[in-house]
Amino acid sequence: MKRAKINRFSILTSMVLVILSLGANAQNIRDIDGNTYRTVTHGLQVWTVPNLNVSHFRNGDTIPEARSEAEWVKAAEAGEPAWCYQGNDPANGNRYGKLYNWYAVNDPRGLAPEGWHIPANADWSTLVKNLYGVDMAGSGLKSTSTEWKSK
């Protein structure tokens, strides 16, 4: 039986790993690492503007950093959570946040702060609907300042 190749792109959930709360009236939220996230509201959804950037689960347990492609693959093959910077370059952390593998995103210890969650497909579909559908949603998310605007 041929073994499937596991690489960074087959394990990442999404580079845009924002967190979501439904019906919350939040201005800014703080994660377990002390990072603050500005939020925007689209319909009844409240989204974070920057991408998630935590290195600890909600309960305080550390999420291991994969500092190389080999470490990323090793974590995936072992079924263990991991995070990395885009391009394994720490300079990308401030702008893009961290990238998480499937095991980190789906870990029961939770990535998002209490009361928040990682968006599911239905959440993304609702966002697209709130931004006037598939043909217009991309325009609603574009920004020259790298920040979303509430709608």
N, C-alpha and C. Protein backbone atom coordinates (compact mmCIF):
# COMPACT_ATOMS: atom_id res chain seq x y z
N MET A 1 0.84 -1.17 0.00
CA MET A 1 0.00 0.00 0.00
C MET A 1 0.89 1.24 0.00
N LYS A 2 0.63 2.14 -0.91
CA LYS A 2 1.42 3.36 -1.02
C LYS A 2 0.99 4.35 0.06
N ARG A 3 1.96 4.92 0.73
CA ARG A 3 1.70 5.87 1.80
C ARG A 3 1.58 7.28 1.23
N ALA A 4 0.54 8.02 1.66
CA ALA A 4 0.35 9.38 1.17
C ALA A 4 1.41 10.30 1.76
N LYS A 5 1.89 11.21 0.95
CA LYS A 5 2.88 12.18 1.41
C LYS A 5 2.17 13.24 2.25
N ILE A 6 2.69 13.50 3.41
CA ILE A 6 2.14 14.54 4.27
C ILE A 6 3.04 15.75 4.17
N ASN A 7 2.47 16.89 3.84
CA ASN A 7 3.27 18.11 3.79
C ASN A 7 2.51 19.24 4.45
N ARG A 8 3.14 20.38 4.54
CA ARG A 8 2.56 21.55 5.21
C ARG A 8 1.18 21.88 4.66
N PHE A 9 0.99 21.78 3.36
CA PHE A 9 -0.25 22.21 2.76
C PHE A 9 -1.38 21.20 2.96
N SER A 10 -1.07 19.93 3.14
CA SER A 10 -2.13 18.96 3.33
C SER A 10 -2.62 18.92 4.77
N ILE A 11 -1.88 19.49 5.70
CA ILE A 11 -2.26 19.44 7.10
C ILE A 11 -2.81 20.77 7.60
N LEU A 12 -2.42 21.88 7.00
CA LEU A 12 -2.91 23.18 7.46
C LEU A 12 -4.40 23.29 7.24
N THR A 13 -5.08 23.91 8.18
CA THR A 13 -6.51 24.14 8.00
C THR A 13 -6.71 25.36 7.13
N SER A 14 -6.08 26.44 7.48
CA SER A 14 -6.20 27.66 6.71
C SER A 14 -5.20 28.67 7.23
N MET A 15 -4.66 29.46 6.34
CA MET A 15 -3.78 30.52 6.79
C MET A 15 -4.58 31.60 7.50
N VAL A 16 -5.81 31.77 7.11
CA VAL A 16 -6.66 32.76 7.74
C VAL A 16 -7.41 32.07 8.87
N LEU A 17 -6.79 31.98 10.01
CA LEU A 17 -7.39 31.29 11.15
C LEU A 17 -7.88 32.33 12.14
N VAL A 18 -9.02 32.89 11.81
CA VAL A 18 -9.63 33.86 12.71
C VAL A 18 -10.53 33.11 13.68
N ILE A 19 -10.95 33.79 14.70
CA ILE A 19 -11.87 33.17 15.64
C ILE A 19 -13.19 33.92 15.59
N LEU A 20 -14.24 33.26 16.01
CA LEU A 20 -15.59 33.75 15.80
C LEU A 20 -16.43 33.56 17.05
N SER A 21 -17.31 34.52 17.29
CA SER A 21 -18.30 34.41 18.35
C SER A 21 -19.62 34.84 17.77
N LEU A 22 -20.67 34.12 18.08
CA LEU A 22 -21.99 34.47 17.57
C LEU A 22 -22.75 35.29 18.60
N GLY A 23 -23.24 36.43 18.19
CA GLY A 23 -24.08 37.25 19.04
C GLY A 23 -23.33 37.99 20.15
N ALA A 24 -22.02 37.90 20.17
CA ALA A 24 -21.25 38.58 21.21
C ALA A 24 -21.18 40.07 20.89
N ASN A 25 -21.07 40.87 21.91
CA ASN A 25 -20.90 42.31 21.71
C ASN A 25 -19.50 42.66 22.18
N ALA A 26 -18.51 42.15 21.49
CA ALA A 26 -17.12 42.33 21.90
C ALA A 26 -16.45 43.41 21.07
N GLN A 27 -15.66 44.23 21.72
CA GLN A 27 -14.85 45.22 21.03
C GLN A 27 -13.47 44.64 20.76
N ASN A 28 -12.80 44.24 21.81
CA ASN A 28 -11.49 43.60 21.74
C ASN A 28 -11.52 42.40 22.67
N ILE A 29 -10.79 41.37 22.31
CA ILE A 29 -10.69 40.20 23.18
C ILE A 29 -9.22 39.91 23.43
N ARG A 30 -8.96 39.17 24.48
CA ARG A 30 -7.59 38.82 24.85
C ARG A 30 -7.49 37.30 24.92
N ASP A 31 -6.40 36.74 24.39
CA ASP A 31 -6.20 35.29 24.45
C ASP A 31 -5.35 34.90 25.65
N ILE A 32 -5.10 33.63 25.80
CA ILE A 32 -4.36 33.12 26.96
C ILE A 32 -2.92 33.62 27.00
N ASP A 33 -2.36 33.98 25.84
CA ASP A 33 -0.98 34.50 25.79
C ASP A 33 -0.93 36.01 25.99
N GLY A 34 -2.09 36.65 26.17
CA GLY A 34 -2.13 38.09 26.38
C GLY A 34 -2.25 38.92 25.11
N ASN A 35 -2.38 38.27 23.95
CA ASN A 35 -2.58 38.99 22.70
C ASN A 35 -3.98 39.58 22.67
N THR A 36 -4.10 40.79 22.14
CA THR A 36 -5.41 41.44 22.01
C THR A 36 -5.81 41.44 20.55
N TYR A 37 -7.08 41.14 20.29
CA TYR A 37 -7.62 41.06 18.94
C TYR A 37 -8.76 42.05 18.79
N ARG A 38 -8.66 42.94 17.81
CA ARG A 38 -9.78 43.81 17.47
C ARG A 38 -10.81 42.97 16.73
N THR A 39 -12.07 43.32 16.86
CA THR A 39 -13.13 42.54 16.22
C THR A 39 -13.95 43.41 15.28
N VAL A 40 -14.62 42.74 14.35
CA VAL A 40 -15.59 43.38 13.46
C VAL A 40 -16.85 42.52 13.45
N THR A 41 -17.97 43.17 13.18
CA THR A 41 -19.25 42.47 13.16
C THR A 41 -19.79 42.44 11.73
N HIS A 42 -20.21 41.25 11.33
CA HIS A 42 -20.88 41.04 10.04
C HIS A 42 -22.16 40.28 10.36
N GLY A 43 -23.31 40.93 10.22
CA GLY A 43 -24.57 40.31 10.61
C GLY A 43 -24.55 40.06 12.11
N LEU A 44 -24.82 38.82 12.52
CA LEU A 44 -24.78 38.46 13.94
C LEU A 44 -23.44 37.86 14.34
N GLN A 45 -22.51 37.79 13.41
CA GLN A 45 -21.20 37.21 13.69
C GLN A 45 -20.19 38.29 14.07
N VAL A 46 -19.37 37.97 15.06
CA VAL A 46 -18.27 38.85 15.44
C VAL A 46 -16.98 38.09 15.13
N TRP A 47 -16.14 38.67 14.28
CA TRP A 47 -14.90 38.04 13.82
C TRP A 47 -13.71 38.82 14.34
N THR A 48 -12.60 38.14 14.56
CA THR A 48 -11.37 38.85 14.89
C THR A 48 -10.78 39.40 13.60
N VAL A 49 -10.12 40.55 13.71
CA VAL A 49 -9.47 41.14 12.55
C VAL A 49 -8.15 40.42 12.27
N PRO A 50 -7.24 40.33 13.24
CA PRO A 50 -6.00 39.60 12.95
C PRO A 50 -6.20 38.10 13.11
N ASN A 51 -5.28 37.35 12.54
CA ASN A 51 -5.28 35.90 12.68
C ASN A 51 -4.88 35.50 14.08
N LEU A 52 -5.27 34.31 14.46
CA LEU A 52 -4.93 33.77 15.78
C LEU A 52 -3.42 33.68 15.93
N ASN A 53 -2.93 33.93 17.15
CA ASN A 53 -1.48 33.97 17.38
C ASN A 53 -1.11 33.41 18.75
N VAL A 54 -1.74 32.32 19.16
CA VAL A 54 -1.45 31.74 20.47
C VAL A 54 -0.48 30.57 20.37
N SER A 55 0.28 30.38 21.43
CA SER A 55 1.17 29.22 21.50
C SER A 55 0.79 28.32 22.67
N HIS A 56 -0.39 28.57 23.26
CA HIS A 56 -0.91 27.74 24.35
C HIS A 56 -2.38 27.44 24.08
N PHE A 57 -2.80 26.25 24.49
CA PHE A 57 -4.22 25.93 24.44
C PHE A 57 -4.93 26.73 25.52
N ARG A 58 -6.25 26.76 25.45
CA ARG A 58 -7.07 27.51 26.38
C ARG A 58 -6.78 27.13 27.84
N ASN A 59 -6.41 25.87 28.08
CA ASN A 59 -6.15 25.42 29.46
C ASN A 59 -4.73 25.72 29.92
N GLY A 60 -3.91 26.34 29.06
CA GLY A 60 -2.55 26.72 29.43
C GLY A 60 -1.47 25.76 28.93
N ASP A 61 -1.85 24.59 28.43
CA ASP A 61 -0.86 23.65 27.88
C ASP A 61 -0.19 24.26 26.65
N THR A 62 1.12 24.04 26.52
CA THR A 62 1.88 24.56 25.39
C THR A 62 1.57 23.79 24.11
N ILE A 63 1.45 24.53 23.01
CA ILE A 63 1.34 23.93 21.68
C ILE A 63 2.75 23.94 21.11
N PRO A 64 3.32 22.79 20.77
CA PRO A 64 4.70 22.76 20.28
C PRO A 64 4.86 23.50 18.94
N GLU A 65 5.97 24.20 18.81
CA GLU A 65 6.31 24.86 17.55
C GLU A 65 7.07 23.89 16.66
N ALA A 66 6.67 23.82 15.41
CA ALA A 66 7.41 23.06 14.39
C ALA A 66 8.31 24.06 13.67
N ARG A 67 9.61 23.99 13.92
CA ARG A 67 10.53 24.99 13.38
C ARG A 67 11.07 24.65 12.00
N SER A 68 10.69 23.49 11.49
CA SER A 68 11.15 23.08 10.16
C SER A 68 10.08 22.22 9.51
N GLU A 69 10.24 22.02 8.22
CA GLU A 69 9.32 21.14 7.49
C GLU A 69 9.35 19.73 8.10
N ALA A 70 10.52 19.27 8.47
CA ALA A 70 10.65 17.92 9.04
C ALA A 70 9.88 17.82 10.37
N GLU A 71 9.96 18.85 11.21
CA GLU A 71 9.23 18.83 12.48
C GLU A 71 7.72 18.89 12.25
N TRP A 72 7.30 19.63 11.23
CA TRP A 72 5.88 19.73 10.89
C TRP A 72 5.34 18.36 10.47
N VAL A 73 6.08 17.70 9.60
CA VAL A 73 5.68 16.38 9.12
C VAL A 73 5.69 15.36 10.27
N LYS A 74 6.72 15.42 11.11
CA LYS A 74 6.82 14.50 12.26
C LYS A 74 5.61 14.65 13.18
N ALA A 75 5.19 15.88 13.47
CA ALA A 75 4.02 16.11 14.32
C ALA A 75 2.77 15.52 13.67
N ALA A 76 2.61 15.74 12.38
CA ALA A 76 1.44 15.21 11.68
C ALA A 76 1.42 13.69 11.68
N GLU A 77 2.55 13.09 11.41
CA GLU A 77 2.62 11.62 11.39
C GLU A 77 2.35 11.04 12.77
N ALA A 78 2.71 11.77 13.82
CA ALA A 78 2.49 11.30 15.19
C ALA A 78 1.09 11.67 15.69
N GLY A 79 0.34 12.44 14.92
CA GLY A 79 -0.98 12.87 15.34
C GLY A 79 -0.93 13.88 16.48
N GLU A 80 0.10 14.72 16.48
CA GLU A 80 0.29 15.68 17.57
C GLU A 80 0.06 17.11 17.08
N PRO A 81 -0.45 17.97 17.97
CA PRO A 81 -0.64 19.37 17.59
C PRO A 81 0.68 20.09 17.39
N ALA A 82 0.67 21.09 16.52
CA ALA A 82 1.86 21.91 16.27
C ALA A 82 1.43 23.22 15.63
N TRP A 83 2.31 24.20 15.75
CA TRP A 83 2.13 25.47 15.05
C TRP A 83 3.45 25.86 14.42
N CYS A 84 3.39 26.75 13.43
CA CYS A 84 4.60 27.29 12.81
C CYS A 84 4.29 28.68 12.28
N TYR A 85 5.33 29.39 11.89
CA TYR A 85 5.17 30.68 11.22
C TYR A 85 5.12 30.43 9.72
N GLN A 86 4.43 31.30 9.01
CA GLN A 86 4.42 31.20 7.56
C GLN A 86 5.86 31.23 7.07
N GLY A 87 6.22 30.26 6.24
CA GLY A 87 7.58 30.17 5.72
C GLY A 87 8.62 29.87 6.78
N ASN A 88 8.18 29.42 7.95
CA ASN A 88 9.07 29.17 9.10
C ASN A 88 9.92 30.39 9.43
N ASP A 89 9.36 31.57 9.18
CA ASP A 89 10.07 32.82 9.43
C ASP A 89 9.36 33.58 10.56
N PRO A 90 10.00 33.68 11.74
CA PRO A 90 9.37 34.37 12.87
C PRO A 90 8.97 35.81 12.56
N ALA A 91 9.60 36.44 11.58
CA ALA A 91 9.23 37.81 11.20
C ALA A 91 7.79 37.87 10.67
N ASN A 92 7.27 36.75 10.19
CA ASN A 92 5.90 36.70 9.69
C ASN A 92 4.86 36.59 10.80
N GLY A 93 5.29 36.32 12.02
CA GLY A 93 4.36 36.13 13.13
C GLY A 93 3.53 37.34 13.46
N ASN A 94 4.13 38.51 13.49
CA ASN A 94 3.37 39.72 13.84
C ASN A 94 2.32 40.06 12.80
N ARG A 95 2.62 39.82 11.55
CA ARG A 95 1.68 40.19 10.49
C ARG A 95 0.61 39.13 10.25
N TYR A 96 1.00 37.84 10.27
CA TYR A 96 0.08 36.78 9.88
C TYR A 96 -0.38 35.89 11.03
N GLY A 97 0.19 36.02 12.20
CA GLY A 97 -0.14 35.10 13.28
C GLY A 97 0.56 33.77 13.06
N LYS A 98 0.04 32.74 13.69
CA LYS A 98 0.63 31.40 13.58
C LYS A 98 -0.24 30.52 12.70
N LEU A 99 0.38 29.50 12.11
CA LEU A 99 -0.34 28.47 11.35
C LEU A 99 -0.42 27.24 12.24
N TYR A 100 -1.58 26.59 12.27
CA TYR A 100 -1.81 25.45 13.13
C TYR A 100 -2.15 24.21 12.31
N ASN A 101 -1.66 23.06 12.76
CA ASN A 101 -2.04 21.84 12.04
C ASN A 101 -3.42 21.37 12.51
N TRP A 102 -3.95 20.39 11.81
CA TRP A 102 -5.29 19.87 12.08
C TRP A 102 -5.41 19.41 13.52
N TYR A 103 -4.36 18.81 14.04
CA TYR A 103 -4.41 18.27 15.40
C TYR A 103 -4.50 19.39 16.44
N ALA A 104 -3.91 20.52 16.20
CA ALA A 104 -4.02 21.66 17.12
C ALA A 104 -5.42 22.28 17.04
N VAL A 105 -5.92 22.46 15.83
CA VAL A 105 -7.23 23.07 15.64
C VAL A 105 -8.33 22.22 16.26
N ASN A 106 -8.21 20.91 16.17
CA ASN A 106 -9.26 20.02 16.65
C ASN A 106 -9.01 19.46 18.04
N ASP A 107 -7.99 19.93 18.72
CA ASP A 107 -7.69 19.45 20.06
C ASP A 107 -8.77 19.93 21.05
N PRO A 108 -9.26 19.04 21.91
CA PRO A 108 -10.33 19.43 22.85
C PRO A 108 -9.91 20.49 23.87
N ARG A 109 -8.62 20.77 24.01
CA ARG A 109 -8.17 21.82 24.94
C ARG A 109 -8.49 23.21 24.42
N GLY A 110 -8.75 23.33 23.13
CA GLY A 110 -9.22 24.58 22.53
C GLY A 110 -8.14 25.60 22.24
N LEU A 111 -8.20 26.18 21.05
CA LEU A 111 -7.29 27.26 20.65
C LEU A 111 -7.87 28.63 20.96
N ALA A 112 -9.14 28.81 20.71
CA ALA A 112 -9.78 30.12 20.84
C ALA A 112 -10.09 30.43 22.30
N PRO A 113 -10.10 31.72 22.63
CA PRO A 113 -10.48 32.11 23.99
C PRO A 113 -11.90 31.62 24.35
N GLU A 114 -12.19 31.54 25.62
CA GLU A 114 -13.50 31.10 26.10
C GLU A 114 -14.60 31.93 25.45
N GLY A 115 -15.63 31.25 24.94
CA GLY A 115 -16.74 31.92 24.29
C GLY A 115 -16.53 32.14 22.80
N TRP A 116 -15.37 31.75 22.27
CA TRP A 116 -15.03 31.91 20.87
C TRP A 116 -14.71 30.55 20.28
N HIS A 117 -14.76 30.42 18.96
CA HIS A 117 -14.42 29.14 18.33
C HIS A 117 -13.79 29.38 16.96
N ILE A 118 -13.13 28.35 16.48
CA ILE A 118 -12.57 28.36 15.13
C ILE A 118 -13.75 28.20 14.17
N PRO A 119 -13.87 29.05 13.16
CA PRO A 119 -15.02 28.98 12.26
C PRO A 119 -15.13 27.64 11.53
N ALA A 120 -16.35 27.13 11.46
CA ALA A 120 -16.66 25.93 10.69
C ALA A 120 -17.14 26.37 9.30
N ASN A 121 -17.33 25.41 8.41
CA ASN A 121 -17.79 25.73 7.06
C ASN A 121 -19.07 26.57 7.07
N ALA A 122 -20.00 26.24 7.95
CA ALA A 122 -21.26 26.98 8.03
C ALA A 122 -21.02 28.44 8.40
N ASP A 123 -20.03 28.69 9.27
CA ASP A 123 -19.70 30.07 9.66
C ASP A 123 -19.19 30.86 8.46
N TRP A 124 -18.31 30.23 7.67
CA TRP A 124 -17.78 30.89 6.48
C TRP A 124 -18.90 31.16 5.48
N SER A 125 -19.83 30.21 5.32
CA SER A 125 -20.96 30.39 4.40
C SER A 125 -21.83 31.57 4.83
N THR A 126 -22.05 31.69 6.14
CA THR A 126 -22.84 32.82 6.65
C THR A 126 -22.11 34.13 6.39
N LEU A 127 -20.80 34.15 6.58
CA LEU A 127 -20.03 35.36 6.30
C LEU A 127 -20.17 35.77 4.84
N VAL A 128 -20.04 34.82 3.94
CA VAL A 128 -20.17 35.09 2.51
C VAL A 128 -21.56 35.66 2.21
N LYS A 129 -22.58 35.07 2.82
CA LYS A 129 -23.96 35.54 2.63
C LYS A 129 -24.10 36.98 3.16
N ASN A 130 -23.51 37.27 4.32
CA ASN A 130 -23.57 38.62 4.89
C ASN A 130 -22.83 39.64 4.03
N LEU A 131 -21.90 39.18 3.23
CA LEU A 131 -21.13 40.06 2.35
C LEU A 131 -21.64 40.01 0.92
N TYR A 132 -22.94 39.77 0.75
CA TYR A 132 -23.65 39.82 -0.53
C TYR A 132 -23.30 38.69 -1.48
N GLY A 133 -22.90 37.55 -0.97
CA GLY A 133 -22.74 36.36 -1.80
C GLY A 133 -21.34 36.15 -2.35
N VAL A 134 -21.18 35.03 -3.03
CA VAL A 134 -19.88 34.58 -3.51
C VAL A 134 -19.23 35.60 -4.43
N ASP A 135 -20.00 36.24 -5.29
CA ASP A 135 -19.42 37.17 -6.26
C ASP A 135 -18.93 38.47 -5.62
N MET A 136 -19.42 38.83 -4.45
CA MET A 136 -19.09 40.10 -3.83
C MET A 136 -18.27 39.96 -2.53
N ALA A 137 -18.26 38.79 -1.92
CA ALA A 137 -17.64 38.62 -0.60
C ALA A 137 -16.16 39.00 -0.59
N GLY A 138 -15.44 38.64 -1.63
CA GLY A 138 -14.02 38.96 -1.68
C GLY A 138 -13.77 40.45 -1.58
N SER A 139 -14.60 41.24 -2.25
CA SER A 139 -14.46 42.69 -2.19
C SER A 139 -14.72 43.20 -0.78
N GLY A 140 -15.66 42.59 -0.08
CA GLY A 140 -15.99 43.00 1.27
C GLY A 140 -14.89 42.70 2.28
N LEU A 141 -14.01 41.78 1.94
CA LEU A 141 -12.93 41.40 2.84
C LEU A 141 -11.60 42.06 2.49
N LYS A 142 -11.50 42.68 1.33
CA LYS A 142 -10.26 43.31 0.92
C LYS A 142 -10.01 44.57 1.74
N SER A 143 -8.75 44.83 1.98
CA SER A 143 -8.40 46.01 2.75
C SER A 143 -7.00 46.46 2.39
N THR A 144 -6.81 47.74 2.22
CA THR A 144 -5.47 48.26 1.98
C THR A 144 -4.72 48.44 3.28
N SER A 145 -5.45 48.41 4.40
CA SER A 145 -4.81 48.58 5.71
C SER A 145 -4.62 47.26 6.43
N THR A 146 -4.93 46.15 5.81
CA THR A 146 -4.88 44.79 6.36
C THR A 146 -5.86 44.61 7.51
N GLU A 147 -6.89 45.43 7.60
CA GLU A 147 -7.89 45.27 8.63
C GLU A 147 -9.29 45.23 8.01
N TRP A 148 -10.16 44.40 8.60
CA TRP A 148 -11.54 44.31 8.14
C TRP A 148 -12.32 45.50 8.64
N LYS A 149 -13.42 45.76 7.98
CA LYS A 149 -14.34 46.78 8.44
C LYS A 149 -15.69 46.12 8.74
N SER A 150 -16.36 46.57 9.80
CA SER A 150 -17.67 46.03 10.16
C SER A 150 -18.69 46.37 9.10
N LYS A 151 -19.69 45.54 8.96
CA LYS A 151 -20.77 45.75 8.01
C LYS A 151 -22.07 45.50 8.72
